[in-house]
Amino acid sequence: MRLPIIKHTLEFVKENDEDWVHETIELLEHLADAKGIKDEELEVIGELLSNLYGSLEVHKEIKKGTAEKDALNGFMSRVMGSIGK
């Protein structure tokens, strides 16, 4: 996951709507099932999906009243903690 991509996606959600992100996720998941897709393409799609899902998680925390910086830091701490396990 890349924090700059998550932050950029959050800006998009603020300016537009989170439904766009949900629809993008649906499209990418559908593309991942395409016949003949290469492993490196699947890796890129997977990375995009993880960033989009991460953005939605951070956005959920912000909607609950958490400051953006705290929501981002908390999310990345959870991600790093789960990697270390």
C-alpha atoms as a PDB file:
ATOM      1  CA  MET A   1       0.000   0.000   0.000  1.00  0.00           C
ATOM      2  CA  ARG A   2       1.156   3.453  -0.797  1.00  0.00           C
ATOM      3  CA  LEU A   3       0.173   6.358   1.407  1.00  0.00           C
ATOM      4  CA  PRO A   4       0.397   8.956  -1.418  1.00  0.00           C
ATOM      5  CA  ILE A   5      -2.127   6.980  -3.481  1.00  0.00           C
ATOM      6  CA  ILE A   6      -4.460   6.605  -0.509  1.00  0.00           C
ATOM      7  CA  LYS A   7      -4.238  10.353   0.200  1.00  0.00           C
ATOM      8  CA  HIS A   8      -4.880  11.192  -3.444  1.00  0.00           C
ATOM      9  CA  THR A   9      -7.898   8.896  -3.529  1.00  0.00           C
ATOM     10  CA  LEU A  10      -9.222  10.568  -0.363  1.00  0.00           C
ATOM     11  CA  GLU A  11      -9.062  13.908  -2.168  1.00  0.00           C
ATOM     12  CA  PHE A  12     -11.083  12.399  -5.002  1.00  0.00           C
ATOM     13  CA  VAL A  13     -13.683  11.112  -2.522  1.00  0.00           C
ATOM     14  CA  LYS A  14     -13.940  14.566  -0.933  1.00  0.00           C
ATOM     15  CA  GLU A  15     -14.477  16.239  -4.313  1.00  0.00           C
ATOM     16  CA  ASN A  16     -16.785  13.580  -5.727  1.00  0.00           C
ATOM     17  CA  ASP A  17     -18.269  10.636  -3.917  1.00  0.00           C
ATOM     18  CA  GLU A  18     -17.073   7.350  -2.454  1.00  0.00           C
ATOM     19  CA  ASP A  19     -19.482   5.470  -4.733  1.00  0.00           C
ATOM     20  CA  TRP A  20     -17.034   6.074  -7.584  1.00  0.00           C
ATOM     21  CA  VAL A  21     -14.365   4.208  -5.633  1.00  0.00           C
ATOM     22  CA  HIS A  22     -16.736   1.305  -4.939  1.00  0.00           C
ATOM     23  CA  GLU A  23     -17.573   1.084  -8.643  1.00  0.00           C
ATOM     24  CA  THR A  24     -13.890   1.209  -9.574  1.00  0.00           C
ATOM     25  CA  ILE A  25     -13.215  -1.644  -7.171  1.00  0.00           C
ATOM     26  CA  GLU A  26     -15.999  -3.682  -8.789  1.00  0.00           C
ATOM     27  CA  LEU A  27     -14.518  -3.055 -12.228  1.00  0.00           C
ATOM     28  CA  LEU A  28     -10.973  -3.980 -11.170  1.00  0.00           C
ATOM     29  CA  GLU A  29     -12.202  -7.160  -9.485  1.00  0.00           C
ATOM     30  CA  HIS A  30     -14.061  -8.047 -12.662  1.00  0.00           C
ATOM     31  CA  LEU A  31     -10.946  -7.377 -14.765  1.00  0.00           C
ATOM     32  CA  ALA A  32      -8.886  -9.631 -12.498  1.00  0.00           C
ATOM     33  CA  ASP A  33     -11.045 -12.540 -13.650  1.00  0.00           C
ATOM     34  CA  ALA A  34     -10.429 -11.843 -17.335  1.00  0.00           C
ATOM     35  CA  LYS A  35      -9.245 -14.744 -19.428  1.00  0.00           C
ATOM     36  CA  GLY A  36      -5.584 -14.515 -20.368  1.00  0.00           C
ATOM     37  CA  ILE A  37      -4.605 -11.864 -17.837  1.00  0.00           C
ATOM     38  CA  LYS A  38      -0.900 -11.963 -16.982  1.00  0.00           C
ATOM     39  CA  ASP A  39       0.586 -12.310 -13.509  1.00  0.00           C
ATOM     40  CA  GLU A  40       2.161  -8.853 -13.615  1.00  0.00           C
ATOM     41  CA  GLU A  41      -1.195  -7.354 -14.591  1.00  0.00           C
ATOM     42  CA  LEU A  42      -2.835  -9.123 -11.659  1.00  0.00           C
ATOM     43  CA  GLU A  43      -0.179  -7.677  -9.349  1.00  0.00           C
ATOM     44  CA  VAL A  44      -0.933  -4.152 -10.545  1.00  0.00           C
ATOM     45  CA  ILE A  45      -4.681  -4.680 -10.168  1.00  0.00           C
ATOM     46  CA  GLY A  46      -4.118  -6.126  -6.692  1.00  0.00           C
ATOM     47  CA  GLU A  47      -2.026  -3.141  -5.649  1.00  0.00           C
ATOM     48  CA  LEU A  48      -4.651  -0.727  -6.941  1.00  0.00           C
ATOM     49  CA  LEU A  49      -7.379  -2.640  -5.122  1.00  0.00           C
ATOM     50  CA  SER A  50      -5.503  -2.612  -1.829  1.00  0.00           C
ATOM     51  CA  ASN A  51      -4.978   1.149  -2.097  1.00  0.00           C
ATOM     52  CA  LEU A  52      -8.635   1.752  -2.940  1.00  0.00           C
ATOM     53  CA  TYR A  53      -9.838  -0.445  -0.068  1.00  0.00           C
ATOM     54  CA  GLY A  54      -7.381   1.344   2.212  1.00  0.00           C
ATOM     55  CA  SER A  55      -8.759   4.704   1.128  1.00  0.00           C
ATOM     56  CA  LEU A  56     -12.284   3.583   1.955  1.00  0.00           C
ATOM     57  CA  GLU A  57     -11.171   2.395   5.405  1.00  0.00           C
ATOM     58  CA  VAL A  58      -9.493   5.734   6.137  1.00  0.00           C
ATOM     59  CA  HIS A  59     -12.515   7.611   4.796  1.00  0.00           C
ATOM     60  CA  LYS A  60     -14.757   5.604   7.141  1.00  0.00           C
ATOM     61  CA  GLU A  61     -12.657   6.738  10.110  1.00  0.00           C
ATOM     62  CA  ILE A  62     -12.737  10.358   8.948  1.00  0.00           C
ATOM     63  CA  LYS A  63     -16.544  10.190   8.698  1.00  0.00           C
ATOM     64  CA  LYS A  64     -16.593   9.040  12.342  1.00  0.00           C
ATOM     65  CA  GLY A  65     -14.783  12.260  13.278  1.00  0.00           C
ATOM     66  CA  THR A  66     -11.159  11.132  13.308  1.00  0.00           C
ATOM     67  CA  ALA A  67      -8.732  13.718  11.939  1.00  0.00           C
ATOM     68  CA  GLU A  68      -7.404  12.759   8.504  1.00  0.00           C
ATOM     69  CA  LYS A  69      -3.800  12.581   9.703  1.00  0.00           C
ATOM     70  CA  ASP A  70      -4.765  10.373  12.655  1.00  0.00           C
ATOM     71  CA  ALA A  71      -6.930   8.154  10.453  1.00  0.00           C
ATOM     72  CA  LEU A  72      -4.068   7.705   7.963  1.00  0.00           C
ATOM     73  CA  ASN A  73      -1.528   7.007  10.701  1.00  0.00           C
ATOM     74  CA  GLY A  74      -3.847   4.558  12.445  1.00  0.00           C
ATOM     75  CA  PHE A  75      -4.554   2.706   9.238  1.00  0.00           C
ATOM     76  CA  MET A  76      -0.884   2.437   8.279  1.00  0.00           C
ATOM     77  CA  SER A  77      -0.040   1.248  11.814  1.00  0.00           C
ATOM     78  CA  ARG A  78      -2.615  -1.537  11.469  1.00  0.00           C
ATOM     79  CA  VAL A  79      -1.236  -2.495   8.066  1.00  0.00           C
ATOM     80  CA  MET A  80       2.364  -2.540   9.289  1.00  0.00           C
ATOM     81  CA  GLY A  81       1.315  -4.474  12.396  1.00  0.00           C
ATOM     82  CA  SER A  82      -0.413  -7.131  10.312  1.00  0.00           C
ATOM     83  CA  ILE A  83       2.631  -7.483   8.058  1.00  0.00           C
ATOM     84  CA  GLY A  84       4.851  -8.158  11.054  1.00  0.00           C
ATOM     85  CA  LYS A  85       2.677 -11.052  12.278  1.00  0.00           C
END
